[in-house]
Amino acid sequence: MEQRDLIIIQKIVKYCERISSYMSDNGYDYNLFRENLMFQDACCMCVVQIGELAGILSDEVKSYYKSIPWRVINVNSANKLH
């Protein structure tokens, strides 16, 4: 695995941790999520970033971690943005 891929994966993990923290800070309350646009924006922006990063991972990483739906992650994040 190239250094570039390691950096990308670290960034993906960072965004996942941010989402987890936002959810934890708000008691994993779906109704609060639905009502709070800032909460939604924070989580959705992380999802978009994860998708963008997944899209630039090397084919080597994507083929090694075949159980992760990389294409779905990338496509879904693009759909959320537009």
N, C-alpha and C. Protein backbone atom coordinates (compact mmCIF):
# COMPACT_ATOMS: atom_id res chain seq x y z
N MET A 1 0.84 -1.17 0.00
CA MET A 1 0.00 0.00 0.00
C MET A 1 0.89 1.24 0.00
N GLU A 2 0.53 2.18 -0.83
CA GLU A 2 1.30 3.40 -0.95
C GLU A 2 1.02 4.36 0.22
N GLN A 3 1.97 5.24 0.47
CA GLN A 3 1.82 6.24 1.53
C GLN A 3 0.58 7.10 1.29
N ARG A 4 0.33 7.42 0.05
CA ARG A 4 -0.84 8.23 -0.31
C ARG A 4 -2.14 7.56 0.16
N ASP A 5 -2.23 6.25 -0.06
CA ASP A 5 -3.41 5.51 0.37
C ASP A 5 -3.55 5.51 1.89
N LEU A 6 -2.46 5.38 2.58
CA LEU A 6 -2.50 5.42 4.05
C LEU A 6 -3.04 6.76 4.55
N ILE A 7 -2.60 7.83 3.94
CA ILE A 7 -3.07 9.16 4.32
C ILE A 7 -4.56 9.29 4.05
N ILE A 8 -4.99 8.80 2.90
CA ILE A 8 -6.42 8.86 2.55
C ILE A 8 -7.24 8.06 3.55
N ILE A 9 -6.80 6.87 3.89
CA ILE A 9 -7.52 6.03 4.85
C ILE A 9 -7.57 6.71 6.22
N GLN A 10 -6.48 7.33 6.63
CA GLN A 10 -6.48 8.06 7.90
C GLN A 10 -7.50 9.18 7.89
N LYS A 11 -7.62 9.87 6.76
CA LYS A 11 -8.61 10.94 6.65
C LYS A 11 -10.03 10.38 6.70
N ILE A 12 -10.25 9.26 6.03
CA ILE A 12 -11.58 8.62 6.07
C ILE A 12 -11.94 8.26 7.51
N VAL A 13 -11.00 7.67 8.23
CA VAL A 13 -11.23 7.31 9.64
C VAL A 13 -11.54 8.56 10.46
N LYS A 14 -10.82 9.64 10.21
CA LYS A 14 -11.05 10.90 10.93
C LYS A 14 -12.48 11.39 10.73
N TYR A 15 -12.96 11.34 9.50
CA TYR A 15 -14.33 11.78 9.22
C TYR A 15 -15.36 10.84 9.86
N CYS A 16 -15.08 9.56 9.88
CA CYS A 16 -15.97 8.61 10.56
C CYS A 16 -16.03 8.92 12.06
N GLU A 17 -14.88 9.21 12.63
CA GLU A 17 -14.83 9.56 14.06
C GLU A 17 -15.59 10.84 14.35
N ARG A 18 -15.51 11.81 13.44
CA ARG A 18 -16.27 13.05 13.61
C ARG A 18 -17.78 12.76 13.64
N ILE A 19 -18.24 11.96 12.69
CA ILE A 19 -19.67 11.61 12.66
C ILE A 19 -20.06 10.93 13.96
N SER A 20 -19.25 9.98 14.39
CA SER A 20 -19.53 9.27 15.64
C SER A 20 -19.59 10.24 16.82
N SER A 21 -18.68 11.18 16.85
CA SER A 21 -18.66 12.18 17.93
C SER A 21 -19.91 13.06 17.88
N TYR A 22 -20.29 13.52 16.69
CA TYR A 22 -21.50 14.35 16.56
C TYR A 22 -22.73 13.58 17.03
N MET A 23 -22.80 12.32 16.65
CA MET A 23 -23.95 11.50 17.06
C MET A 23 -23.95 11.29 18.57
N SER A 24 -22.80 10.99 19.13
CA SER A 24 -22.68 10.78 20.57
C SER A 24 -23.03 12.04 21.34
N ASP A 25 -22.52 13.18 20.89
CA ASP A 25 -22.80 14.45 21.56
C ASP A 25 -24.28 14.79 21.58
N ASN A 26 -25.02 14.24 20.63
CA ASN A 26 -26.45 14.51 20.53
C ASN A 26 -27.30 13.31 20.94
N GLY A 27 -26.70 12.39 21.68
CA GLY A 27 -27.44 11.27 22.24
C GLY A 27 -28.01 10.30 21.22
N TYR A 28 -27.41 10.25 20.04
CA TYR A 28 -27.89 9.35 18.98
C TYR A 28 -29.39 9.53 18.73
N ASP A 29 -29.85 10.76 18.86
CA ASP A 29 -31.27 11.09 18.75
C ASP A 29 -31.62 11.44 17.31
N TYR A 30 -32.34 10.54 16.65
CA TYR A 30 -32.69 10.76 15.25
C TYR A 30 -33.60 11.97 15.08
N ASN A 31 -34.52 12.16 16.01
CA ASN A 31 -35.41 13.32 15.90
C ASN A 31 -34.64 14.62 15.99
N LEU A 32 -33.64 14.68 16.86
CA LEU A 32 -32.80 15.86 16.95
C LEU A 32 -32.04 16.07 15.65
N PHE A 33 -31.56 14.99 15.08
CA PHE A 33 -30.87 15.08 13.80
C PHE A 33 -31.80 15.65 12.73
N ARG A 34 -33.02 15.17 12.68
CA ARG A 34 -33.99 15.64 11.68
C ARG A 34 -34.32 17.12 11.84
N GLU A 35 -34.31 17.61 13.06
CA GLU A 35 -34.72 18.99 13.34
C GLU A 35 -33.57 19.99 13.29
N ASN A 36 -32.33 19.53 13.39
CA ASN A 36 -31.20 20.42 13.53
C ASN A 36 -30.38 20.44 12.23
N LEU A 37 -30.52 21.53 11.48
CA LEU A 37 -29.83 21.62 10.20
C LEU A 37 -28.31 21.64 10.35
N MET A 38 -27.81 22.23 11.41
CA MET A 38 -26.37 22.26 11.61
C MET A 38 -25.83 20.84 11.85
N PHE A 39 -26.56 20.06 12.61
CA PHE A 39 -26.20 18.68 12.89
C PHE A 39 -26.19 17.88 11.57
N GLN A 40 -27.23 18.08 10.76
CA GLN A 40 -27.31 17.40 9.47
C GLN A 40 -26.15 17.80 8.56
N ASP A 41 -25.91 19.12 8.50
CA ASP A 41 -24.84 19.61 7.63
C ASP A 41 -23.48 19.05 8.04
N ALA A 42 -23.23 19.01 9.34
CA ALA A 42 -21.94 18.50 9.84
C ALA A 42 -21.75 17.04 9.44
N CYS A 43 -22.77 16.23 9.67
CA CYS A 43 -22.67 14.80 9.35
C CYS A 43 -22.59 14.58 7.84
N CYS A 44 -23.44 15.28 7.10
CA CYS A 44 -23.47 15.08 5.65
C CYS A 44 -22.17 15.52 4.98
N MET A 45 -21.57 16.60 5.47
CA MET A 45 -20.32 17.04 4.88
C MET A 45 -19.23 15.99 5.10
N CYS A 46 -19.25 15.35 6.25
CA CYS A 46 -18.28 14.27 6.50
C CYS A 46 -18.52 13.11 5.54
N VAL A 47 -19.77 12.77 5.31
CA VAL A 47 -20.10 11.68 4.39
C VAL A 47 -19.62 12.02 2.98
N VAL A 48 -19.81 13.26 2.56
CA VAL A 48 -19.35 13.70 1.24
C VAL A 48 -17.83 13.58 1.15
N GLN A 49 -17.14 14.02 2.19
CA GLN A 49 -15.68 13.94 2.19
C GLN A 49 -15.21 12.49 2.13
N ILE A 50 -15.88 11.62 2.87
CA ILE A 50 -15.53 10.19 2.84
C ILE A 50 -15.68 9.65 1.42
N GLY A 51 -16.77 10.00 0.78
CA GLY A 51 -17.00 9.54 -0.59
C GLY A 51 -15.96 10.06 -1.57
N GLU A 52 -15.62 11.32 -1.43
CA GLU A 52 -14.59 11.89 -2.31
C GLU A 52 -13.26 11.19 -2.10
N LEU A 53 -12.91 10.94 -0.86
CA LEU A 53 -11.64 10.25 -0.55
C LEU A 53 -11.66 8.81 -1.05
N ALA A 54 -12.80 8.15 -0.89
CA ALA A 54 -12.91 6.76 -1.37
C ALA A 54 -12.69 6.70 -2.88
N GLY A 55 -13.11 7.74 -3.56
CA GLY A 55 -12.98 7.77 -5.01
C GLY A 55 -11.56 7.91 -5.50
N ILE A 56 -10.65 8.37 -4.66
CA ILE A 56 -9.27 8.55 -5.11
C ILE A 56 -8.30 7.52 -4.54
N LEU A 57 -8.84 6.54 -3.81
CA LEU A 57 -7.98 5.45 -3.35
C LEU A 57 -7.50 4.64 -4.55
N SER A 58 -6.34 4.05 -4.43
CA SER A 58 -5.80 3.24 -5.53
C SER A 58 -6.65 1.99 -5.75
N ASP A 59 -6.59 1.48 -6.94
CA ASP A 59 -7.29 0.23 -7.25
C ASP A 59 -6.76 -0.92 -6.41
N GLU A 60 -5.48 -0.86 -6.05
CA GLU A 60 -4.88 -1.89 -5.20
C GLU A 60 -5.60 -1.99 -3.86
N VAL A 61 -5.86 -0.86 -3.24
CA VAL A 61 -6.55 -0.85 -1.95
C VAL A 61 -7.98 -1.32 -2.12
N LYS A 62 -8.65 -0.82 -3.13
CA LYS A 62 -10.05 -1.20 -3.35
C LYS A 62 -10.19 -2.70 -3.62
N SER A 63 -9.25 -3.27 -4.35
CA SER A 63 -9.35 -4.71 -4.62
C SER A 63 -8.94 -5.54 -3.41
N TYR A 64 -8.08 -5.01 -2.56
CA TYR A 64 -7.68 -5.74 -1.35
C TYR A 64 -8.82 -5.78 -0.34
N TYR A 65 -9.54 -4.67 -0.22
CA TYR A 65 -10.68 -4.59 0.71
C TYR A 65 -11.99 -4.71 -0.07
N LYS A 66 -12.19 -5.86 -0.68
CA LYS A 66 -13.34 -6.09 -1.55
C LYS A 66 -14.68 -6.04 -0.82
N SER A 67 -14.66 -6.28 0.49
CA SER A 67 -15.93 -6.29 1.24
C SER A 67 -16.48 -4.87 1.46
N ILE A 68 -15.67 -3.86 1.21
CA ILE A 68 -16.13 -2.47 1.36
C ILE A 68 -16.68 -2.01 0.02
N PRO A 69 -17.91 -1.52 -0.01
CA PRO A 69 -18.52 -1.09 -1.28
C PRO A 69 -18.03 0.30 -1.70
N TRP A 70 -16.79 0.39 -2.16
CA TRP A 70 -16.16 1.67 -2.48
C TRP A 70 -16.96 2.48 -3.48
N ARG A 71 -17.43 1.84 -4.49
CA ARG A 71 -18.18 2.56 -5.54
C ARG A 71 -19.48 3.13 -4.98
N VAL A 72 -20.16 2.37 -4.16
CA VAL A 72 -21.41 2.84 -3.55
C VAL A 72 -21.13 4.04 -2.65
N ILE A 73 -20.06 3.96 -1.88
CA ILE A 73 -19.69 5.06 -1.00
C ILE A 73 -19.43 6.32 -1.82
N ASN A 74 -18.69 6.17 -2.89
CA ASN A 74 -18.35 7.32 -3.73
C ASN A 74 -19.58 7.88 -4.43
N VAL A 75 -20.39 7.03 -5.02
CA VAL A 75 -21.58 7.49 -5.74
C VAL A 75 -22.58 8.12 -4.79
N ASN A 76 -22.82 7.52 -3.63
CA ASN A 76 -23.78 8.06 -2.69
C ASN A 76 -23.37 9.42 -2.18
N SER A 77 -22.10 9.63 -1.95
CA SER A 77 -21.66 10.93 -1.45
C SER A 77 -21.87 11.99 -2.53
N ALA A 78 -21.64 11.66 -3.76
CA ALA A 78 -21.85 12.61 -4.85
C ALA A 78 -23.33 12.97 -4.98
N ASN A 79 -24.20 11.99 -4.79
CA ASN A 79 -25.64 12.25 -4.86
C ASN A 79 -26.10 13.16 -3.72
N LYS A 80 -25.49 13.05 -2.56
CA LYS A 80 -25.88 13.89 -1.43
C LYS A 80 -25.50 15.34 -1.68
N LEU A 81 -24.43 15.55 -2.41
CA LEU A 81 -23.94 16.90 -2.67
C LEU A 81 -24.79 17.61 -3.71
N HIS A 82 -25.31 16.87 -4.67
CA HIS A 82 -26.03 17.50 -5.77
C HIS A 82 -27.48 17.35 -5.57
